[in-house]
Amino acid sequence: MASRQMGGREADPSAVQGVAVPEAQHLPNSPHHRNFPSTELVPGKPFRGVMTFRFSTDKI
């Protein structure tokens, strides 16, 4: 009841929306393998990374 009064997600059942939240991650266990990319962040040194996302409407 409180969520309806405050305008929460349940306030309008027809307004349900989906959300995707991409999060960049390093390889599992990478701090323990020299041949994996480094996860070390050094003060004063810029951190650069690239994330690539591919989306398709093709059915699998």
C-alpha atoms as a PDB file:
ATOM      1  CA  MET A   1       0.000   0.000   0.000  1.00  0.00           C
ATOM      2  CA  ALA A   2       2.789   2.445   0.875  1.00  0.00           C
ATOM      3  CA  SER A   3       4.444   1.971  -2.534  1.00  0.00           C
ATOM      4  CA  ARG A   4       1.188   2.906  -4.284  1.00  0.00           C
ATOM      5  CA  GLN A   5       0.922   6.076  -2.226  1.00  0.00           C
ATOM      6  CA  MET A   6       4.543   7.062  -2.865  1.00  0.00           C
ATOM      7  CA  GLY A   7       4.485   6.267  -6.592  1.00  0.00           C
ATOM      8  CA  GLY A   8       6.623   3.134  -6.386  1.00  0.00           C
ATOM      9  CA  ARG A   9       6.926   0.477  -9.076  1.00  0.00           C
ATOM     10  CA  GLU A  10       3.643  -1.118  -8.025  1.00  0.00           C
ATOM     11  CA  ALA A  11       1.781   2.190  -8.460  1.00  0.00           C
ATOM     12  CA  ASP A  12       1.009   1.411 -12.122  1.00  0.00           C
ATOM     13  CA  PRO A  13       1.205  -2.281 -13.088  1.00  0.00           C
ATOM     14  CA  SER A  14       1.104  -1.394 -16.808  1.00  0.00           C
ATOM     15  CA  ALA A  15       4.351   0.608 -16.493  1.00  0.00           C
ATOM     16  CA  VAL A  16       6.664  -2.375 -15.920  1.00  0.00           C
ATOM     17  CA  GLN A  17       9.978  -1.881 -17.731  1.00  0.00           C
ATOM     18  CA  GLY A  18      13.102  -3.984 -18.109  1.00  0.00           C
ATOM     19  CA  VAL A  19      16.603  -2.694 -17.463  1.00  0.00           C
ATOM     20  CA  ALA A  20      20.035  -3.989 -18.467  1.00  0.00           C
ATOM     21  CA  VAL A  21      23.052  -2.798 -16.467  1.00  0.00           C
ATOM     22  CA  PRO A  22      26.386  -3.639 -18.085  1.00  0.00           C
ATOM     23  CA  GLU A  23      29.328  -3.881 -15.711  1.00  0.00           C
ATOM     24  CA  ALA A  24      32.939  -4.161 -16.809  1.00  0.00           C
ATOM     25  CA  GLN A  25      34.925  -6.896 -15.093  1.00  0.00           C
ATOM     26  CA  HIS A  26      38.429  -8.285 -15.332  1.00  0.00           C
ATOM     27  CA  LEU A  27      39.179 -11.914 -15.997  1.00  0.00           C
ATOM     28  CA  PRO A  28      38.474 -14.189 -13.031  1.00  0.00           C
ATOM     29  CA  ASN A  29      41.502 -14.725 -10.792  1.00  0.00           C
ATOM     30  CA  SER A  30      43.564 -12.275 -12.899  1.00  0.00           C
ATOM     31  CA  PRO A  31      45.646 -10.942  -9.971  1.00  0.00           C
ATOM     32  CA  HIS A  32      47.146 -14.437  -9.615  1.00  0.00           C
ATOM     33  CA  HIS A  33      48.170 -14.975 -13.259  1.00  0.00           C
ATOM     34  CA  ARG A  34      50.981 -12.967 -14.862  1.00  0.00           C
ATOM     35  CA  ASN A  35      49.688 -13.648 -18.388  1.00  0.00           C
ATOM     36  CA  PHE A  36      46.292 -12.047 -17.593  1.00  0.00           C
ATOM     37  CA  PRO A  37      45.735  -8.273 -17.916  1.00  0.00           C
ATOM     38  CA  SER A  38      46.632  -6.337 -14.767  1.00  0.00           C
ATOM     39  CA  THR A  39      43.948  -5.201 -12.339  1.00  0.00           C
ATOM     40  CA  GLU A  40      46.312  -2.841 -10.504  1.00  0.00           C
ATOM     41  CA  LEU A  41      45.255   0.794 -10.187  1.00  0.00           C
ATOM     42  CA  VAL A  42      48.222   3.141  -9.637  1.00  0.00           C
ATOM     43  CA  PRO A  43      47.643   6.607  -8.097  1.00  0.00           C
ATOM     44  CA  GLY A  44      48.299   9.335 -10.663  1.00  0.00           C
ATOM     45  CA  LYS A  45      48.314   6.905 -13.594  1.00  0.00           C
ATOM     46  CA  PRO A  46      45.239   7.072 -15.848  1.00  0.00           C
ATOM     47  CA  PHE A  47      43.085   3.966 -16.097  1.00  0.00           C
ATOM     48  CA  ARG A  48      41.851   3.158 -19.571  1.00  0.00           C
ATOM     49  CA  GLY A  49      39.606   0.350 -20.616  1.00  0.00           C
ATOM     50  CA  VAL A  50      37.328  -0.623 -23.446  1.00  0.00           C
ATOM     51  CA  MET A  51      33.925  -2.275 -23.157  1.00  0.00           C
ATOM     52  CA  THR A  52      32.197  -3.588 -26.257  1.00  0.00           C
ATOM     53  CA  PHE A  53      28.518  -4.458 -26.250  1.00  0.00           C
ATOM     54  CA  ARG A  54      26.734  -6.110 -29.129  1.00  0.00           C
ATOM     55  CA  PHE A  55      22.997  -6.261 -29.313  1.00  0.00           C
ATOM     56  CA  SER A  56      20.861  -8.006 -31.855  1.00  0.00           C
ATOM     57  CA  THR A  57      17.204  -8.491 -32.598  1.00  0.00           C
ATOM     58  CA  ASP A  58      17.909 -11.792 -34.363  1.00  0.00           C
ATOM     59  CA  LYS A  59      16.339 -14.847 -32.805  1.00  0.00           C
ATOM     60  CA  ILE A  60      18.710 -17.522 -31.592  1.00  0.00           C
END
